[in-house]
Amino acid sequence: MLIYGNTPKDIMAMIWRRRNKFMMVIAVIVIAVMLTSCGSSRKTTPPLNVLDQFFKTLGSGENSTGVE
């Protein structure tokens, strides 16, 4: 007999009584992850024209204004 605390049997009984709440929390988390991951799978990133122009200018030594 334990004076302070619960026995493993008591702990399992408490978990079993709260199983519906536990399953609902897990279901909400799974649904939230599914909804957020489905929306972001089709996004495409635009081309980086500014960086391309920068490296082209850096490599050639010229700029678009013609002033060096």
Protein backbone atom coordinates (compact mmCIF):
# COMPACT_ATOMS: atom_id res chain seq x y z
CA MET A 1 0.00 0.00 0.00
CA LEU A 2 1.30 3.45 -0.97
CA ILE A 3 0.66 6.26 1.43
CA TYR A 4 1.94 9.06 -0.82
CA GLY A 5 1.03 8.88 -4.48
CA ASN A 6 -0.83 6.52 -6.74
CA THR A 7 -0.20 2.93 -7.68
CA PRO A 8 0.34 2.04 -11.34
CA LYS A 9 -3.16 0.56 -11.35
CA ASP A 10 -4.58 3.91 -10.18
CA ILE A 11 -2.62 5.78 -12.85
CA MET A 12 -3.88 3.47 -15.61
CA ALA A 13 -7.44 3.91 -14.35
CA MET A 14 -7.09 7.72 -14.51
CA ILE A 15 -5.74 7.53 -18.07
CA TRP A 16 -8.56 5.20 -19.10
CA ARG A 17 -11.17 7.60 -17.70
CA ARG A 18 -9.71 10.52 -19.69
CA ARG A 19 -9.20 8.61 -22.95
CA ASN A 20 -11.88 10.54 -24.87
CA LYS A 21 -10.32 13.90 -24.05
CA PHE A 22 -6.86 12.58 -24.93
CA MET A 23 -8.05 11.20 -28.28
CA MET A 24 -9.81 14.47 -29.13
CA VAL A 25 -6.63 16.48 -28.49
CA ILE A 26 -4.61 14.12 -30.68
CA ALA A 27 -7.26 14.32 -33.44
CA VAL A 28 -7.26 18.15 -33.38
CA ILE A 29 -3.45 18.24 -33.63
CA VAL A 30 -3.44 15.79 -36.55
CA ILE A 31 -6.14 17.71 -38.42
CA ALA A 32 -4.32 21.03 -37.87
CA VAL A 33 -1.07 19.57 -39.24
CA MET A 34 -2.86 18.11 -42.24
CA LEU A 35 -4.60 21.42 -43.07
CA THR A 36 -1.46 23.52 -42.78
CA SER A 37 0.73 21.16 -44.78
CA CYS A 38 -1.76 20.80 -47.66
CA GLY A 39 -1.93 24.55 -48.29
CA SER A 40 1.80 25.11 -48.56
CA SER A 41 2.68 22.29 -50.95
CA ARG A 42 1.76 24.19 -54.14
CA LYS A 43 3.58 27.45 -53.49
CA THR A 44 6.35 28.30 -55.91
CA THR A 45 9.08 30.83 -55.39
CA PRO A 46 9.58 33.57 -57.99
CA PRO A 47 12.92 33.76 -59.80
CA LEU A 48 15.54 35.92 -58.16
CA ASN A 49 16.11 38.44 -60.95
CA VAL A 50 17.78 41.00 -58.69
CA LEU A 51 20.47 38.57 -57.54
CA ASP A 52 21.02 37.33 -61.07
CA GLN A 53 21.54 40.91 -62.26
CA PHE A 54 23.91 41.63 -59.35
CA PHE A 55 26.14 38.65 -60.08
CA LYS A 56 26.09 39.34 -63.81
CA THR A 57 27.22 42.92 -63.15
CA LEU A 58 29.82 41.76 -60.65
CA GLY A 59 31.28 39.24 -63.06
CA SER A 60 31.36 41.46 -66.15
CA GLY A 61 32.55 44.67 -64.48
CA GLU A 62 29.83 46.70 -66.22
CA ASN A 63 26.60 48.13 -64.94
CA SER A 64 23.36 48.92 -66.72
CA THR A 65 23.90 52.72 -66.65
CA GLY A 66 27.16 52.55 -68.58
CA VAL A 67 29.05 54.53 -65.92
CA GLU A 68 32.10 52.84 -64.49
